[in-house]
Amino acid sequence: MMDELWKDIPYYTSWYQVSSLGRIRSLMRKNRWGYIQKIRILRPFPNQKGYLRIDLRKNGQRDCRQVHRLVLETFVGLCPDGMECRHLDGNPQNNKLDNLQWTTASENQRDRVRHGTSNMGLTYNRGESQGGHKLTEEQVLEIRELYKISLSSGKRIYSQRKLASIFGVQQTAIKDVVNRKTWKHI
């Protein structure tokens, strides 16, 4: 296990520190009413993609920052041009120093594909492993089966509109499924 090291966050020296385990703390100081605030560990909050963020305040100004970037900027240095932060294990909430590094966007995307967290569509993650799916593979197969023409009557059993209502998706999603624009791999 890694020992926890604390360092002042650049631009927030004597206000905030970040640890090598990805924790942020507010340092002891007087608040605007003259009361002493004790050192305390701050609670980050996740953004829509699951990355932890923290509100830092200095001289009345609020700055919302990503925890992983604060860890790297403090312990490694500012982000080099053309680079971004990489979570080696693919977990956006693991902000330990030994899990982070600066890397290129293409290397970071290869990591997302390897970890199954890519949102690049059918080229990489498909079907249920693609983040925004609304249907399961089983439902897609059922939709295609229900949409087939009845051999006895020569008419469709279910319309695209009716299937959309049954499965709780837009009619265009059904159209793309039956025409194999989406879910091509099954």
C-alpha atoms as a PDB file:
ATOM      1  CA  MET A   1       0.000   0.000   0.000  1.00  0.00           C
ATOM      2  CA  MET A   2       1.197   3.461  -0.879  1.00  0.00           C
ATOM      3  CA  ASP A   3       1.855   5.978   1.906  1.00  0.00           C
ATOM      4  CA  GLU A   4      -0.322   9.056   1.654  1.00  0.00           C
ATOM      5  CA  LEU A   5       1.691  12.138   0.742  1.00  0.00           C
ATOM      6  CA  TRP A   6       0.153  15.628   0.854  1.00  0.00           C
ATOM      7  CA  LYS A   7       1.222  18.576  -1.324  1.00  0.00           C
ATOM      8  CA  ASP A   8      -0.096  22.093  -1.862  1.00  0.00           C
ATOM      9  CA  ILE A   9      -2.198  22.410  -5.002  1.00  0.00           C
ATOM     10  CA  PRO A  10      -0.589  24.861  -7.467  1.00  0.00           C
ATOM     11  CA  TYR A  11      -2.406  28.235  -7.446  1.00  0.00           C
ATOM     12  CA  TYR A  12      -4.011  27.261  -4.108  1.00  0.00           C
ATOM     13  CA  THR A  13      -0.926  27.164  -1.865  1.00  0.00           C
ATOM     14  CA  SER A  14      -1.931  27.599   1.793  1.00  0.00           C
ATOM     15  CA  TRP A  15      -5.571  27.015   0.837  1.00  0.00           C
ATOM     16  CA  TYR A  16      -5.832  23.390  -0.348  1.00  0.00           C
ATOM     17  CA  GLN A  17      -3.734  20.233  -0.563  1.00  0.00           C
ATOM     18  CA  VAL A  18      -4.099  17.035  -2.565  1.00  0.00           C
ATOM     19  CA  SER A  19      -2.831  13.622  -1.527  1.00  0.00           C
ATOM     20  CA  SER A  20      -1.185  10.857  -3.512  1.00  0.00           C
ATOM     21  CA  LEU A  21      -4.326   8.806  -2.751  1.00  0.00           C
ATOM     22  CA  GLY A  22      -6.516  11.342  -4.547  1.00  0.00           C
ATOM     23  CA  ARG A  23      -8.001  13.088  -1.516  1.00  0.00           C
ATOM     24  CA  ILE A  24      -8.370  16.872  -1.223  1.00  0.00           C
ATOM     25  CA  ARG A  25      -8.241  18.822   2.012  1.00  0.00           C
ATOM     26  CA  SER A  26      -8.917  22.393   2.963  1.00  0.00           C
ATOM     27  CA  LEU A  27      -6.206  23.934   5.167  1.00  0.00           C
ATOM     28  CA  MET A  28      -6.747  25.821   8.421  1.00  0.00           C
ATOM     29  CA  ARG A  29      -7.433  29.522   7.819  1.00  0.00           C
ATOM     30  CA  LYS A  30      -9.746  32.342   8.766  1.00  0.00           C
ATOM     31  CA  ASN A  31     -13.011  32.529   6.886  1.00  0.00           C
ATOM     32  CA  ARG A  32     -14.592  35.788   5.771  1.00  0.00           C
ATOM     33  CA  TRP A  33     -16.173  36.320   9.208  1.00  0.00           C
ATOM     34  CA  GLY A  34     -12.831  35.894  10.996  1.00  0.00           C
ATOM     35  CA  TYR A  35     -13.475  32.398  12.381  1.00  0.00           C
ATOM     36  CA  ILE A  36     -10.747  29.766  12.135  1.00  0.00           C
ATOM     37  CA  GLN A  37     -11.644  26.892   9.798  1.00  0.00           C
ATOM     38  CA  LYS A  38     -10.016  23.603  10.708  1.00  0.00           C
ATOM     39  CA  ILE A  39      -8.274  21.274   8.264  1.00  0.00           C
ATOM     40  CA  ARG A  40     -10.899  19.026   6.741  1.00  0.00           C
ATOM     41  CA  ILE A  41     -11.132  16.438   3.973  1.00  0.00           C
ATOM     42  CA  LEU A  42     -13.450  17.605   1.205  1.00  0.00           C
ATOM     43  CA  ARG A  43     -16.045  15.424  -0.460  1.00  0.00           C
ATOM     44  CA  PRO A  44     -15.823  15.381  -4.264  1.00  0.00           C
ATOM     45  CA  PHE A  45     -18.870  14.790  -6.455  1.00  0.00           C
ATOM     46  CA  PRO A  46     -19.083  12.832  -9.730  1.00  0.00           C
ATOM     47  CA  ASN A  47     -19.817  14.529 -13.047  1.00  0.00           C
ATOM     48  CA  GLN A  48     -22.039  12.894 -15.698  1.00  0.00           C
ATOM     49  CA  LYS A  49     -19.200  10.626 -16.859  1.00  0.00           C
ATOM     50  CA  GLY A  50     -18.302   9.514 -13.324  1.00  0.00           C
ATOM     51  CA  TYR A  51     -15.137  11.622 -12.920  1.00  0.00           C
ATOM     52  CA  LEU A  52     -14.808  13.183  -9.471  1.00  0.00           C
ATOM     53  CA  ARG A  53     -14.883  16.975  -9.239  1.00  0.00           C
ATOM     54  CA  ILE A  54     -14.306  19.382  -6.378  1.00  0.00           C
ATOM     55  CA  ASP A  55     -15.209  23.016  -5.769  1.00  0.00           C
ATOM     56  CA  LEU A  56     -12.204  25.094  -4.689  1.00  0.00           C
ATOM     57  CA  ARG A  57     -12.699  28.641  -3.439  1.00  0.00           C
ATOM     58  CA  LYS A  58     -10.136  31.406  -3.103  1.00  0.00           C
ATOM     59  CA  ASN A  59     -10.712  35.126  -2.533  1.00  0.00           C
ATOM     60  CA  GLY A  60     -14.432  34.748  -3.160  1.00  0.00           C
ATOM     61  CA  GLN A  61     -13.949  32.960  -6.502  1.00  0.00           C
ATOM     62  CA  ARG A  62     -15.254  29.409  -7.058  1.00  0.00           C
ATOM     63  CA  ASP A  63     -13.366  27.006  -9.311  1.00  0.00           C
ATOM     64  CA  CYS A  64     -14.716  23.527 -10.075  1.00  0.00           C
ATOM     65  CA  ARG A  65     -11.807  21.181 -10.863  1.00  0.00           C
ATOM     66  CA  GLN A  66     -11.403  17.493 -11.738  1.00  0.00           C
ATOM     67  CA  VAL A  67      -9.641  15.586  -8.957  1.00  0.00           C
ATOM     68  CA  HIS A  68      -7.508  13.436 -11.292  1.00  0.00           C
ATOM     69  CA  ARG A  69      -6.070  16.544 -12.958  1.00  0.00           C
ATOM     70  CA  LEU A  70      -5.304  18.129  -9.576  1.00  0.00           C
ATOM     71  CA  VAL A  71      -3.398  14.998  -8.519  1.00  0.00           C
ATOM     72  CA  LEU A  72      -1.294  14.930 -11.694  1.00  0.00           C
ATOM     73  CA  GLU A  73      -0.702  18.697 -11.825  1.00  0.00           C
ATOM     74  CA  THR A  74       0.447  18.682  -8.203  1.00  0.00           C
ATOM     75  CA  PHE A  75       2.666  15.584  -8.185  1.00  0.00           C
ATOM     76  CA  VAL A  76       3.846  15.343 -11.830  1.00  0.00           C
ATOM     77  CA  GLY A  77       3.458  18.831 -13.318  1.00  0.00           C
ATOM     78  CA  LEU A  78       1.130  20.740 -15.595  1.00  0.00           C
ATOM     79  CA  CYS A  79      -0.433  18.898 -18.511  1.00  0.00           C
ATOM     80  CA  PRO A  80       1.897  18.934 -21.542  1.00  0.00           C
ATOM     81  CA  ASP A  81       0.417  20.255 -24.797  1.00  0.00           C
ATOM     82  CA  GLY A  82      -1.625  17.630 -26.642  1.00  0.00           C
ATOM     83  CA  MET A  83      -1.888  15.342 -23.607  1.00  0.00           C
ATOM     84  CA  GLU A  84      -4.717  14.346 -21.284  1.00  0.00           C
ATOM     85  CA  CYS A  85      -5.140  12.376 -18.074  1.00  0.00           C
ATOM     86  CA  ARG A  86      -5.243   8.596 -18.254  1.00  0.00           C
ATOM     87  CA  HIS A  87      -6.735   6.279 -15.594  1.00  0.00           C
ATOM     88  CA  LEU A  88      -4.683   3.107 -15.968  1.00  0.00           C
ATOM     89  CA  ASP A  89      -7.394   0.854 -14.515  1.00  0.00           C
ATOM     90  CA  GLY A  90     -10.265   2.538 -16.395  1.00  0.00           C
ATOM     91  CA  ASN A  91     -12.025   3.550 -13.166  1.00  0.00           C
ATOM     92  CA  PRO A  92     -12.746   7.311 -13.314  1.00  0.00           C
ATOM     93  CA  GLN A  93     -13.108   7.452  -9.518  1.00  0.00           C
ATOM     94  CA  ASN A  94      -9.698   5.912  -8.740  1.00  0.00           C
ATOM     95  CA  ASN A  95      -7.569   9.051  -8.465  1.00  0.00           C
ATOM     96  CA  LYS A  96      -4.526   7.553  -6.771  1.00  0.00           C
ATOM     97  CA  LEU A  97      -1.265   8.891  -8.161  1.00  0.00           C
ATOM     98  CA  ASP A  98      -0.034   5.423  -9.190  1.00  0.00           C
ATOM     99  CA  ASN A  99      -3.199   5.002 -11.333  1.00  0.00           C
ATOM    100  CA  LEU A 100      -2.812   8.251 -13.295  1.00  0.00           C
ATOM    101  CA  GLN A 101      -0.523   9.542 -16.028  1.00  0.00           C
ATOM    102  CA  TRP A 102      -0.442  12.094 -18.841  1.00  0.00           C
ATOM    103  CA  THR A 103      -0.959  10.469 -22.229  1.00  0.00           C
ATOM    104  CA  THR A 104      -2.112  11.186 -25.765  1.00  0.00           C
ATOM    105  CA  ALA A 105      -5.793  11.212 -26.700  1.00  0.00           C
ATOM    106  CA  SER A 106      -5.342   8.177 -28.969  1.00  0.00           C
ATOM    107  CA  GLU A 107      -3.671   6.121 -26.219  1.00  0.00           C
ATOM    108  CA  ASN A 108      -6.435   7.132 -23.819  1.00  0.00           C
ATOM    109  CA  GLN A 109      -9.052   6.029 -26.362  1.00  0.00           C
ATOM    110  CA  ARG A 110      -7.315   2.645 -26.775  1.00  0.00           C
ATOM    111  CA  ASP A 111      -7.545   2.282 -22.985  1.00  0.00           C
ATOM    112  CA  ARG A 112     -11.284   3.032 -23.081  1.00  0.00           C
ATOM    113  CA  VAL A 113     -11.774   0.347 -25.706  1.00  0.00           C
ATOM    114  CA  ARG A 114      -9.730  -2.145 -23.675  1.00  0.00           C
ATOM    115  CA  HIS A 115     -11.694  -1.301 -20.494  1.00  0.00           C
ATOM    116  CA  GLY A 116     -15.064  -1.347 -22.279  1.00  0.00           C
ATOM    117  CA  THR A 117     -15.810   2.300 -21.443  1.00  0.00           C
ATOM    118  CA  SER A 118     -15.587   3.715 -24.971  1.00  0.00           C
ATOM    119  CA  ASN A 119     -18.529   5.608 -26.425  1.00  0.00           C
ATOM    120  CA  MET A 120     -17.246   5.484 -29.999  1.00  0.00           C
ATOM    121  CA  GLY A 121     -20.094   3.256 -31.184  1.00  0.00           C
ATOM    122  CA  LEU A 122     -19.983   0.113 -33.290  1.00  0.00           C
ATOM    123  CA  THR A 123     -16.349   0.483 -34.307  1.00  0.00           C
ATOM    124  CA  TYR A 124     -15.309  -0.410 -30.772  1.00  0.00           C
ATOM    125  CA  ASN A 125     -17.919  -1.333 -28.192  1.00  0.00           C
ATOM    126  CA  ARG A 126     -21.135  -2.723 -29.585  1.00  0.00           C
ATOM    127  CA  GLY A 127     -24.550  -3.616 -28.337  1.00  0.00           C
ATOM    128  CA  GLU A 128     -24.931  -3.849 -24.597  1.00  0.00           C
ATOM    129  CA  SER A 129     -21.254  -2.965 -23.974  1.00  0.00           C
ATOM    130  CA  GLN A 130     -21.847   0.418 -25.643  1.00  0.00           C
ATOM    131  CA  GLY A 131     -22.707   2.985 -22.998  1.00  0.00           C
ATOM    132  CA  GLY A 132     -25.986   4.450 -24.273  1.00  0.00           C
ATOM    133  CA  HIS A 133     -27.876   1.313 -25.294  1.00  0.00           C
ATOM    134  CA  LYS A 134     -31.620   1.184 -24.633  1.00  0.00           C
ATOM    135  CA  LEU A 135     -32.232  -2.335 -25.902  1.00  0.00           C
ATOM    136  CA  THR A 136     -30.698  -5.695 -25.062  1.00  0.00           C
ATOM    137  CA  GLU A 137     -29.519  -8.244 -27.622  1.00  0.00           C
ATOM    138  CA  GLU A 138     -32.471 -10.434 -26.685  1.00  0.00           C
ATOM    139  CA  GLN A 139     -34.892  -7.556 -27.366  1.00  0.00           C
ATOM    140  CA  VAL A 140     -33.254  -6.794 -30.736  1.00  0.00           C
ATOM    141  CA  LEU A 141     -33.703 -10.411 -31.851  1.00  0.00           C
ATOM    142  CA  GLU A 142     -37.322 -10.320 -30.658  1.00  0.00           C
ATOM    143  CA  ILE A 143     -37.991  -7.045 -32.528  1.00  0.00           C
ATOM    144  CA  ARG A 144     -36.615  -8.496 -35.760  1.00  0.00           C
ATOM    145  CA  GLU A 145     -38.725 -11.618 -35.322  1.00  0.00           C
ATOM    146  CA  LEU A 146     -41.908  -9.667 -34.545  1.00  0.00           C
ATOM    147  CA  TYR A 147     -41.383  -7.375 -37.537  1.00  0.00           C
ATOM    148  CA  LYS A 148     -41.224 -10.222 -40.064  1.00  0.00           C
ATOM    149  CA  ILE A 149     -44.084 -10.610 -42.520  1.00  0.00           C
ATOM    150  CA  SER A 150     -46.628 -13.261 -41.658  1.00  0.00           C
ATOM    151  CA  LEU A 151     -46.467 -15.929 -44.383  1.00  0.00           C
ATOM    152  CA  SER A 152     -50.143 -16.780 -44.114  1.00  0.00           C
ATOM    153  CA  SER A 153     -51.558 -13.251 -44.453  1.00  0.00           C
ATOM    154  CA  GLY A 154     -48.687 -11.484 -46.237  1.00  0.00           C
ATOM    155  CA  LYS A 155     -48.922  -8.600 -43.750  1.00  0.00           C
ATOM    156  CA  ARG A 156     -46.610  -7.453 -40.982  1.00  0.00           C
ATOM    157  CA  ILE A 157     -47.448  -8.784 -37.550  1.00  0.00           C
ATOM    158  CA  TYR A 158     -46.359  -5.546 -35.818  1.00  0.00           C
ATOM    159  CA  SER A 159     -45.643  -2.095 -37.229  1.00  0.00           C
ATOM    160  CA  GLN A 160     -42.495  -0.181 -36.311  1.00  0.00           C
ATOM    161  CA  ARG A 161     -44.647   2.283 -34.374  1.00  0.00           C
ATOM    162  CA  LYS A 162     -46.292  -0.520 -32.357  1.00  0.00           C
ATOM    163  CA  LEU A 163     -42.889  -2.136 -31.624  1.00  0.00           C
ATOM    164  CA  ALA A 164     -41.535   1.228 -30.473  1.00  0.00           C
ATOM    165  CA  SER A 165     -44.443   1.517 -28.047  1.00  0.00           C
ATOM    166  CA  ILE A 166     -43.926  -2.040 -26.751  1.00  0.00           C
ATOM    167  CA  PHE A 167     -40.170  -1.636 -26.186  1.00  0.00           C
ATOM    168  CA  GLY A 168     -40.244   1.975 -24.981  1.00  0.00           C
ATOM    169  CA  VAL A 169     -38.017   3.478 -27.685  1.00  0.00           C
ATOM    170  CA  GLN A 170     -38.470   5.838 -30.626  1.00  0.00           C
ATOM    171  CA  GLN A 171     -39.837   4.495 -33.905  1.00  0.00           C
ATOM    172  CA  THR A 172     -36.542   5.442 -35.614  1.00  0.00           C
ATOM    173  CA  ALA A 173     -34.680   3.123 -33.229  1.00  0.00           C
ATOM    174  CA  ILE A 174     -36.901   0.232 -34.354  1.00  0.00           C
ATOM    175  CA  LYS A 175     -36.384   1.194 -38.018  1.00  0.00           C
ATOM    176  CA  ASP A 176     -32.599   1.153 -37.528  1.00  0.00           C
ATOM    177  CA  VAL A 177     -32.753  -2.243 -35.783  1.00  0.00           C
ATOM    178  CA  VAL A 178     -34.881  -3.949 -38.459  1.00  0.00           C
ATOM    179  CA  ASN A 179     -32.843  -2.382 -41.294  1.00  0.00           C
ATOM    180  CA  ARG A 180     -29.622  -3.410 -39.507  1.00  0.00           C
ATOM    181  CA  LYS A 181     -28.247   0.114 -39.297  1.00  0.00           C
ATOM    182  CA  THR A 182     -27.712  -0.570 -35.594  1.00  0.00           C
ATOM    183  CA  TRP A 183     -26.965  -3.874 -33.882  1.00  0.00           C
ATOM    184  CA  LYS A 184     -25.304  -5.146 -37.081  1.00  0.00           C
ATOM    185  CA  HIS A 185     -23.245  -7.671 -35.160  1.00  0.00           C
ATOM    186  CA  ILE A 186     -26.262  -9.847 -34.228  1.00  0.00           C
END
